[in-house]
Amino acid sequence: MILWVDADSCPVPVRDMICRTGKRLELTVCYVANRDIPRDADTPVRMVIADTTPDAADDYIVENSAPGDLVITRDIPLARRLVDNQIRVINDRGTVYTDENIRERLAMRNLMLELYTSGLAPEKTGQFGKKELNNFANALDREITRLLRQSLPRPGNVPE
């Protein structure tokens, strides 16, 4: 199992928790972003720097993740692509994206984006605090446990 992190917009406390969890469980953690993401030198994280073209990091994650992996992203269009490929996805607040909820989430995201771009809705950036981090921690543990129980074999390592 690889823990893939769409790292550009992932909050630092979430990235830190993912690294600690990966280290504790001896799982591969792979950050994907269009720039280098700061991380502790003693934490075994594979950093993939994608092109700066739009969606390059997303495309890399879609092309290289496999069923049995877990992806952490707040990008709903990316989550939709991954769920369509039977890959488990959670966001940084602990929401698990599924076949049942991803289309509704994407429709709501598109509506809010349309309202925002037309000036009808203010940009909303919710606070990220202890409650959100706790929700994420619970979802991360639950989904890793579920995937480890399924123990889907993971061919190969993270591509260079």
N, C-alpha and C. Protein backbone atom coordinates (compact mmCIF):
# COMPACT_ATOMS: atom_id res chain seq x y z
N MET A 1 0.84 -1.18 0.00
CA MET A 1 0.00 0.00 0.00
C MET A 1 0.89 1.24 0.00
N ILE A 2 0.49 2.20 -0.82
CA ILE A 2 1.16 3.49 -0.84
C ILE A 2 0.16 4.54 -0.38
N LEU A 3 0.62 5.45 0.48
CA LEU A 3 -0.18 6.60 0.89
C LEU A 3 0.23 7.75 -0.02
N TRP A 4 -0.63 8.09 -0.96
CA TRP A 4 -0.38 9.18 -1.89
C TRP A 4 -0.95 10.46 -1.30
N VAL A 5 -0.19 11.54 -1.35
CA VAL A 5 -0.64 12.82 -0.81
C VAL A 5 -0.58 13.88 -1.91
N ASP A 6 -1.73 14.43 -2.24
CA ASP A 6 -1.80 15.59 -3.13
C ASP A 6 -1.33 16.75 -2.27
N ALA A 7 -0.03 16.99 -2.28
CA ALA A 7 0.62 17.76 -1.21
C ALA A 7 0.57 19.27 -1.36
N ASP A 8 0.24 19.79 -2.52
CA ASP A 8 0.25 21.24 -2.70
C ASP A 8 -0.61 21.97 -1.68
N SER A 9 -1.82 21.49 -1.46
CA SER A 9 -2.73 22.21 -0.57
C SER A 9 -3.01 21.47 0.73
N CYS A 10 -2.27 20.42 0.99
CA CYS A 10 -2.50 19.63 2.20
C CYS A 10 -1.93 20.37 3.41
N PRO A 11 -2.75 20.60 4.44
CA PRO A 11 -2.26 21.31 5.63
C PRO A 11 -1.08 20.58 6.29
N VAL A 12 -0.17 21.36 6.84
CA VAL A 12 1.04 20.81 7.47
C VAL A 12 0.70 19.79 8.56
N PRO A 13 -0.27 20.04 9.46
CA PRO A 13 -0.56 19.03 10.48
C PRO A 13 -1.03 17.70 9.89
N VAL A 14 -1.73 17.76 8.77
CA VAL A 14 -2.18 16.53 8.10
C VAL A 14 -0.99 15.81 7.48
N ARG A 15 -0.12 16.55 6.81
CA ARG A 15 1.08 15.93 6.23
C ARG A 15 1.93 15.28 7.32
N ASP A 16 2.08 15.97 8.45
CA ASP A 16 2.86 15.42 9.56
C ASP A 16 2.24 14.12 10.08
N MET A 17 0.92 14.11 10.20
CA MET A 17 0.24 12.91 10.69
C MET A 17 0.39 11.75 9.72
N ILE A 18 0.29 12.04 8.43
CA ILE A 18 0.46 10.99 7.41
C ILE A 18 1.87 10.41 7.51
N CYS A 19 2.87 11.27 7.66
CA CYS A 19 4.26 10.80 7.77
C CYS A 19 4.47 9.93 9.00
N ARG A 20 3.94 10.38 10.13
CA ARG A 20 4.08 9.58 11.37
C ARG A 20 3.39 8.23 11.21
N THR A 21 2.21 8.23 10.61
CA THR A 21 1.47 6.98 10.42
C THR A 21 2.22 6.06 9.47
N GLY A 22 2.72 6.61 8.37
CA GLY A 22 3.48 5.80 7.41
C GLY A 22 4.72 5.19 8.05
N LYS A 23 5.41 5.98 8.85
CA LYS A 23 6.62 5.49 9.53
C LYS A 23 6.27 4.40 10.53
N ARG A 24 5.22 4.64 11.32
CA ARG A 24 4.81 3.66 12.34
C ARG A 24 4.39 2.33 11.72
N LEU A 25 3.68 2.39 10.60
CA LEU A 25 3.17 1.18 9.96
C LEU A 25 4.07 0.66 8.84
N GLU A 26 5.19 1.35 8.63
CA GLU A 26 6.14 0.99 7.57
C GLU A 26 5.47 0.98 6.20
N LEU A 27 4.72 2.04 5.92
CA LEU A 27 4.05 2.21 4.63
C LEU A 27 4.80 3.26 3.83
N THR A 28 4.78 3.12 2.52
CA THR A 28 5.37 4.12 1.65
C THR A 28 4.47 5.35 1.62
N VAL A 29 5.05 6.52 1.83
CA VAL A 29 4.33 7.79 1.73
C VAL A 29 4.93 8.54 0.55
N CYS A 30 4.07 8.99 -0.34
CA CYS A 30 4.54 9.70 -1.53
C CYS A 30 3.80 11.03 -1.67
N TYR A 31 4.55 12.13 -1.55
CA TYR A 31 4.00 13.46 -1.80
C TYR A 31 4.11 13.72 -3.30
N VAL A 32 3.04 14.26 -3.87
CA VAL A 32 3.08 14.68 -5.27
C VAL A 32 2.64 16.14 -5.31
N ALA A 33 3.46 16.97 -5.93
CA ALA A 33 3.16 18.40 -6.03
C ALA A 33 3.96 18.98 -7.19
N ASN A 34 3.66 20.23 -7.53
CA ASN A 34 4.43 20.86 -8.61
C ASN A 34 5.61 21.66 -8.06
N ARG A 35 5.91 21.46 -6.78
CA ARG A 35 7.06 22.09 -6.13
C ARG A 35 7.51 21.19 -4.99
N ASP A 36 8.71 21.41 -4.52
CA ASP A 36 9.20 20.63 -3.39
C ASP A 36 8.44 21.03 -2.13
N ILE A 37 8.01 20.05 -1.37
CA ILE A 37 7.25 20.29 -0.14
C ILE A 37 8.19 20.05 1.04
N PRO A 38 8.30 21.02 1.96
CA PRO A 38 9.17 20.83 3.13
C PRO A 38 8.73 19.62 3.96
N ARG A 39 9.71 18.88 4.44
CA ARG A 39 9.43 17.70 5.26
C ARG A 39 10.64 17.41 6.14
N ASP A 40 10.41 16.69 7.23
CA ASP A 40 11.50 16.32 8.12
C ASP A 40 12.44 15.35 7.42
N ALA A 41 13.72 15.55 7.63
CA ALA A 41 14.73 14.70 7.00
C ALA A 41 14.65 13.26 7.49
N ASP A 42 14.20 13.06 8.73
CA ASP A 42 14.16 11.70 9.28
C ASP A 42 12.87 10.96 8.92
N THR A 43 11.99 11.60 8.17
CA THR A 43 10.74 10.95 7.77
C THR A 43 10.89 10.42 6.35
N PRO A 44 10.69 9.12 6.17
CA PRO A 44 10.85 8.54 4.83
C PRO A 44 9.67 8.87 3.93
N VAL A 45 9.81 9.94 3.16
CA VAL A 45 8.78 10.36 2.23
C VAL A 45 9.39 10.45 0.85
N ARG A 46 8.70 9.89 -0.11
CA ARG A 46 9.14 10.01 -1.50
C ARG A 46 8.48 11.26 -2.06
N MET A 47 9.25 12.18 -2.61
CA MET A 47 8.73 13.43 -3.16
C MET A 47 8.76 13.35 -4.67
N VAL A 48 7.59 13.49 -5.30
CA VAL A 48 7.50 13.54 -6.75
C VAL A 48 7.12 14.96 -7.13
N ILE A 49 8.00 15.61 -7.88
CA ILE A 49 7.71 16.97 -8.34
C ILE A 49 7.22 16.87 -9.78
N ALA A 50 5.94 17.19 -9.95
CA ALA A 50 5.30 17.11 -11.26
C ALA A 50 5.56 18.41 -12.03
N ASP A 51 5.24 18.37 -13.32
CA ASP A 51 5.32 19.59 -14.12
C ASP A 51 4.43 20.66 -13.52
N THR A 52 4.64 21.89 -13.93
CA THR A 52 3.81 22.99 -13.44
C THR A 52 2.57 23.19 -14.30
N THR A 53 2.37 22.33 -15.28
CA THR A 53 1.16 22.43 -16.11
C THR A 53 -0.06 22.06 -15.27
N PRO A 54 -1.22 22.62 -15.62
CA PRO A 54 -2.43 22.31 -14.84
C PRO A 54 -2.68 20.80 -14.77
N ASP A 55 -3.02 20.35 -13.61
CA ASP A 55 -3.39 18.95 -13.34
C ASP A 55 -2.25 17.94 -13.51
N ALA A 56 -1.01 18.38 -13.64
CA ALA A 56 0.10 17.44 -13.81
C ALA A 56 0.25 16.55 -12.58
N ALA A 57 0.16 17.12 -11.39
CA ALA A 57 0.28 16.32 -10.17
C ALA A 57 -0.90 15.36 -10.06
N ASP A 58 -2.10 15.84 -10.38
CA ASP A 58 -3.28 14.98 -10.35
C ASP A 58 -3.12 13.81 -11.32
N ASP A 59 -2.67 14.12 -12.54
CA ASP A 59 -2.48 13.08 -13.54
C ASP A 59 -1.47 12.04 -13.07
N TYR A 60 -0.41 12.48 -12.43
CA TYR A 60 0.61 11.56 -11.93
C TYR A 60 0.00 10.60 -10.91
N ILE A 61 -0.78 11.14 -9.99
CA ILE A 61 -1.41 10.29 -8.97
C ILE A 61 -2.35 9.29 -9.62
N VAL A 62 -3.18 9.75 -10.56
CA VAL A 62 -4.13 8.85 -11.23
C VAL A 62 -3.39 7.75 -11.98
N GLU A 63 -2.32 8.10 -12.67
CA GLU A 63 -1.59 7.13 -13.48
C GLU A 63 -0.78 6.14 -12.66
N ASN A 64 -0.39 6.50 -11.44
CA ASN A 64 0.51 5.66 -10.67
C ASN A 64 -0.09 5.00 -9.45
N SER A 65 -1.26 5.43 -9.02
CA SER A 65 -1.92 4.78 -7.88
C SER A 65 -2.66 3.55 -8.38
N ALA A 66 -2.96 2.67 -7.44
CA ALA A 66 -3.61 1.41 -7.79
C ALA A 66 -4.58 1.03 -6.67
N PRO A 67 -5.57 0.19 -7.00
CA PRO A 67 -6.44 -0.30 -5.93
C PRO A 67 -5.59 -0.91 -4.81
N GLY A 68 -5.95 -0.58 -3.58
CA GLY A 68 -5.15 -1.00 -2.44
C GLY A 68 -4.34 0.15 -1.87
N ASP A 69 -4.21 1.24 -2.64
CA ASP A 69 -3.54 2.45 -2.16
C ASP A 69 -4.57 3.37 -1.52
N LEU A 70 -4.09 4.36 -0.80
CA LEU A 70 -4.95 5.39 -0.21
C LEU A 70 -4.43 6.74 -0.66
N VAL A 71 -5.34 7.59 -1.17
CA VAL A 71 -4.96 8.93 -1.62
C VAL A 71 -5.61 9.96 -0.71
N ILE A 72 -4.83 10.95 -0.32
CA ILE A 72 -5.33 12.05 0.49
C ILE A 72 -5.31 13.30 -0.37
N THR A 73 -6.50 13.87 -0.62
CA THR A 73 -6.62 15.08 -1.43
C THR A 73 -7.87 15.84 -1.06
N ARG A 74 -7.83 17.16 -1.25
CA ARG A 74 -9.04 17.97 -1.09
C ARG A 74 -9.60 18.35 -2.45
N ASP A 75 -8.96 17.87 -3.52
CA ASP A 75 -9.34 18.17 -4.90
C ASP A 75 -10.46 17.20 -5.33
N ILE A 76 -11.68 17.71 -5.41
CA ILE A 76 -12.83 16.84 -5.69
C ILE A 76 -12.79 16.26 -7.10
N PRO A 77 -12.43 17.03 -8.15
CA PRO A 77 -12.32 16.40 -9.47
C PRO A 77 -11.28 15.26 -9.49
N LEU A 78 -10.16 15.44 -8.80
CA LEU A 78 -9.18 14.36 -8.69
C LEU A 78 -9.78 13.17 -7.95
N ALA A 79 -10.46 13.43 -6.86
CA ALA A 79 -11.09 12.35 -6.09
C ALA A 79 -12.05 11.56 -6.98
N ARG A 80 -12.80 12.24 -7.82
CA ARG A 80 -13.74 11.56 -8.72
C ARG A 80 -12.99 10.61 -9.65
N ARG A 81 -11.90 11.07 -10.23
CA ARG A 81 -11.12 10.22 -11.13
C ARG A 81 -10.60 8.98 -10.40
N LEU A 82 -10.15 9.17 -9.18
CA LEU A 82 -9.60 8.06 -8.40
C LEU A 82 -10.69 7.08 -7.99
N VAL A 83 -11.81 7.59 -7.51
CA VAL A 83 -12.92 6.71 -7.11
C VAL A 83 -13.38 5.90 -8.32
N ASP A 84 -13.42 6.53 -9.49
CA ASP A 84 -13.80 5.80 -10.71
C ASP A 84 -12.82 4.67 -11.01
N ASN A 85 -11.58 4.78 -10.51
CA ASN A 85 -10.56 3.73 -10.69
C ASN A 85 -10.49 2.77 -9.50
N GLN A 86 -11.51 2.81 -8.63
CA GLN A 86 -11.58 1.95 -7.44
C GLN A 86 -10.43 2.18 -6.46
N ILE A 87 -10.02 3.43 -6.32
CA ILE A 87 -8.97 3.77 -5.37
C ILE A 87 -9.60 4.50 -4.20
N ARG A 88 -9.21 4.15 -3.00
CA ARG A 88 -9.76 4.74 -1.78
C ARG A 88 -9.22 6.16 -1.62
N VAL A 89 -10.12 7.11 -1.34
CA VAL A 89 -9.74 8.52 -1.25
C VAL A 89 -10.38 9.15 -0.03
N ILE A 90 -9.57 9.93 0.72
CA ILE A 90 -10.11 10.74 1.81
C ILE A 90 -9.58 12.16 1.66
N ASN A 91 -10.32 13.11 2.24
CA ASN A 91 -9.80 14.48 2.22
C ASN A 91 -9.15 14.80 3.55
N ASP A 92 -8.64 16.00 3.67
CA ASP A 92 -7.88 16.38 4.87
C ASP A 92 -8.77 16.64 6.08
N ARG A 93 -10.06 16.49 5.93
CA ARG A 93 -10.99 16.65 7.05
C ARG A 93 -11.66 15.33 7.42
N GLY A 94 -11.22 14.25 6.77
CA GLY A 94 -11.71 12.93 7.13
C GLY A 94 -12.88 12.42 6.32
N THR A 95 -13.30 13.16 5.31
CA THR A 95 -14.38 12.68 4.45
C THR A 95 -13.84 11.59 3.53
N VAL A 96 -14.54 10.46 3.50
CA VAL A 96 -14.18 9.37 2.60
C VAL A 96 -15.03 9.53 1.34
N TYR A 97 -14.38 9.62 0.19
CA TYR A 97 -15.11 9.74 -1.07
C TYR A 97 -15.44 8.35 -1.59
N THR A 98 -16.69 8.18 -2.00
CA THR A 98 -17.18 6.88 -2.47
C THR A 98 -17.96 7.07 -3.76
N ASP A 99 -18.31 5.94 -4.40
CA ASP A 99 -19.18 5.99 -5.57
C ASP A 99 -20.49 6.70 -5.23
N GLU A 100 -20.96 6.51 -4.00
CA GLU A 100 -22.26 7.04 -3.60
C GLU A 100 -22.24 8.55 -3.38
N ASN A 101 -21.12 9.13 -2.97
CA ASN A 101 -21.15 10.56 -2.64
C ASN A 101 -20.32 11.47 -3.55
N ILE A 102 -19.48 10.92 -4.40
CA ILE A 102 -18.54 11.77 -5.14
C ILE A 102 -19.24 12.64 -6.18
N ARG A 103 -20.26 12.12 -6.85
CA ARG A 103 -20.93 12.92 -7.88
C ARG A 103 -21.66 14.11 -7.27
N GLU A 104 -22.30 13.88 -6.11
CA GLU A 104 -22.98 14.97 -5.42
C GLU A 104 -21.96 16.02 -4.96
N ARG A 105 -20.84 15.58 -4.43
CA ARG A 105 -19.80 16.51 -3.98
C ARG A 105 -19.26 17.33 -5.15
N LEU A 106 -19.07 16.67 -6.29
CA LEU A 106 -18.56 17.36 -7.46
C LEU A 106 -19.58 18.38 -7.98
N ALA A 107 -20.85 18.00 -8.00
CA ALA A 107 -21.90 18.93 -8.44
C ALA A 107 -21.96 20.15 -7.52
N MET A 108 -21.87 19.93 -6.22
CA MET A 108 -21.90 21.04 -5.26
C MET A 108 -20.68 21.93 -5.43
N ARG A 109 -19.52 21.33 -5.64
CA ARG A 109 -18.29 22.10 -5.86
C ARG A 109 -18.42 22.96 -7.11
N ASN A 110 -18.95 22.37 -8.19
CA ASN A 110 -19.10 23.12 -9.44
C ASN A 110 -20.09 24.27 -9.28
N LEU A 111 -21.19 24.04 -8.56
CA LEU A 111 -22.17 25.09 -8.31
C LEU A 111 -21.54 26.24 -7.52
N MET A 112 -20.83 25.90 -6.45
CA MET A 112 -20.21 26.94 -5.62
C MET A 112 -19.14 27.71 -6.40
N LEU A 113 -18.40 27.01 -7.25
CA LEU A 113 -17.40 27.68 -8.08
C LEU A 113 -18.07 28.65 -9.05
N GLU A 114 -19.17 28.22 -9.63
CA GLU A 114 -19.91 29.08 -10.56
C GLU A 114 -20.45 30.32 -9.84
N LEU A 115 -21.01 30.12 -8.65
CA LEU A 115 -21.52 31.26 -7.87
C LEU A 115 -20.39 32.21 -7.50
N TYR A 116 -19.26 31.65 -7.11
CA TYR A 116 -18.11 32.48 -6.73
C TYR A 116 -17.59 33.28 -7.91
N THR A 117 -17.42 32.63 -9.06
CA THR A 117 -16.86 33.32 -10.23
C THR A 117 -17.82 34.38 -10.77
N SER A 118 -19.11 34.23 -10.52
CA SER A 118 -20.07 35.24 -10.96
C SER A 118 -20.30 36.31 -9.88
N GLY A 119 -19.58 36.22 -8.77
CA GLY A 119 -19.67 37.23 -7.72
C GLY A 119 -20.85 37.07 -6.79
N LEU A 120 -21.52 35.94 -6.83
CA LEU A 120 -22.71 35.73 -6.00
C LEU A 120 -22.43 35.05 -4.67
N ALA A 121 -21.23 34.56 -4.50
CA ALA A 121 -20.90 33.89 -3.24
C ALA A 121 -19.47 34.27 -2.85
N PRO A 122 -19.23 34.55 -1.58
CA PRO A 122 -17.87 34.86 -1.15
C PRO A 122 -17.02 33.60 -1.14
N GLU A 123 -15.71 33.79 -1.33
CA GLU A 123 -14.80 32.64 -1.22
C GLU A 123 -14.79 32.21 0.24
N LYS A 124 -14.97 30.92 0.44
CA LYS A 124 -15.06 30.40 1.80
C LYS A 124 -13.86 29.51 2.09
N THR A 125 -13.12 29.87 3.08
CA THR A 125 -12.02 29.02 3.53
C THR A 125 -12.28 28.69 4.99
N GLY A 126 -12.69 27.48 5.24
CA GLY A 126 -13.02 27.07 6.59
C GLY A 126 -11.78 26.93 7.46
N GLN A 127 -11.97 27.09 8.73
CA GLN A 127 -10.88 26.92 9.69
C GLN A 127 -10.46 25.46 9.74
N PHE A 128 -9.18 25.23 9.99
CA PHE A 128 -8.68 23.88 10.18
C PHE A 128 -8.08 23.82 11.57
N GLY A 129 -8.75 23.07 12.46
CA GLY A 129 -8.30 23.01 13.84
C GLY A 129 -8.22 21.59 14.36
N LYS A 130 -8.27 21.46 15.68
CA LYS A 130 -8.14 20.16 16.33
C LYS A 130 -9.25 19.20 15.94
N LYS A 131 -10.48 19.70 15.83
CA LYS A 131 -11.61 18.84 15.47
C LYS A 131 -11.40 18.23 14.08
N GLU A 132 -10.99 19.06 13.13
CA GLU A 132 -10.77 18.59 11.76
C GLU A 132 -9.61 17.60 11.70
N LEU A 133 -8.55 17.89 12.44
CA LEU A 133 -7.40 16.98 12.48
C LEU A 133 -7.78 15.65 13.11
N ASN A 134 -8.58 15.69 14.15
CA ASN A 134 -9.05 14.47 14.80
C ASN A 134 -9.92 13.65 13.85
N ASN A 135 -10.82 14.32 13.13
CA ASN A 135 -11.65 13.62 12.14
C ASN A 135 -10.78 12.96 11.07
N PHE A 136 -9.75 13.68 10.63
CA PHE A 136 -8.84 13.12 9.64
C PHE A 136 -8.11 11.91 10.20
N ALA A 137 -7.59 12.03 11.42
CA ALA A 137 -6.85 10.92 12.04
C ALA A 137 -7.71 9.67 12.13
N ASN A 138 -8.96 9.83 12.53
CA ASN A 138 -9.87 8.68 12.63
C ASN A 138 -10.10 8.06 11.26
N ALA A 139 -10.34 8.88 10.25
CA ALA A 139 -10.58 8.36 8.90
C ALA A 139 -9.33 7.68 8.35
N LEU A 140 -8.17 8.28 8.58
CA LEU A 140 -6.91 7.69 8.10
C LEU A 140 -6.71 6.31 8.72
N ASP A 141 -6.84 6.20 10.02
CA ASP A 141 -6.68 4.90 10.69
C ASP A 141 -7.70 3.88 10.19
N ARG A 142 -8.94 4.30 10.07
CA ARG A 142 -10.01 3.40 9.63
C ARG A 142 -9.76 2.88 8.21
N GLU A 143 -9.39 3.79 7.30
CA GLU A 143 -9.20 3.38 5.90
C GLU A 143 -7.94 2.55 5.72
N ILE A 144 -6.87 2.88 6.43
CA ILE A 144 -5.66 2.05 6.35
C ILE A 144 -5.95 0.65 6.88
N THR A 145 -6.65 0.57 8.00
CA THR A 145 -7.01 -0.74 8.57
C THR A 145 -7.83 -1.54 7.58
N ARG A 146 -8.80 -0.89 6.96
CA ARG A 146 -9.66 -1.57 5.98
C ARG A 146 -8.82 -2.08 4.80
N LEU A 147 -7.93 -1.25 4.30
CA LEU A 147 -7.11 -1.66 3.16
C LEU A 147 -6.12 -2.76 3.54
N LEU A 148 -5.55 -2.69 4.73
CA LEU A 148 -4.62 -3.74 5.16
C LEU A 148 -5.34 -5.07 5.34
N ARG A 149 -6.58 -5.02 5.80
CA ARG A 149 -7.36 -6.26 5.92
C ARG A 149 -7.61 -6.88 4.55
N GLN A 150 -7.88 -6.03 3.58
CA GLN A 150 -8.10 -6.53 2.22
C GLN A 150 -6.80 -7.02 1.61
N SER A 151 -5.70 -6.49 2.10
CA SER A 151 -4.33 -6.83 1.69
C SER A 151 -4.19 -7.08 0.19
N LEU A 152 -4.61 -6.09 -0.58
CA LEU A 152 -4.43 -6.18 -2.02
C LEU A 152 -2.94 -6.05 -2.33
N PRO A 153 -2.39 -6.97 -3.13
CA PRO A 153 -0.97 -6.86 -3.46
C PRO A 153 -0.70 -5.59 -4.27
N ARG A 154 0.41 -4.97 -4.01
CA ARG A 154 0.79 -3.74 -4.71
C ARG A 154 1.99 -4.04 -5.56
N PRO A 155 1.80 -4.13 -6.89
CA PRO A 155 2.94 -4.42 -7.75
C PRO A 155 3.91 -3.25 -7.82
N GLY A 156 5.18 -3.55 -7.60
CA GLY A 156 6.23 -2.55 -7.78
C GLY A 156 6.26 -1.47 -6.73
N ASN A 157 7.11 -0.51 -6.96
CA ASN A 157 7.30 0.62 -6.07
C ASN A 157 6.84 1.90 -6.75
N VAL A 158 7.02 3.00 -6.07
CA VAL A 158 6.69 4.29 -6.65
C VAL A 158 7.62 4.52 -7.83
N PRO A 159 7.07 4.85 -9.00
CA PRO A 159 7.92 5.09 -10.16
C PRO A 159 8.87 6.25 -9.92
N GLU A 160 10.01 6.19 -10.56
CA GLU A 160 11.01 7.27 -10.45
C GLU A 160 10.56 8.48 -11.21
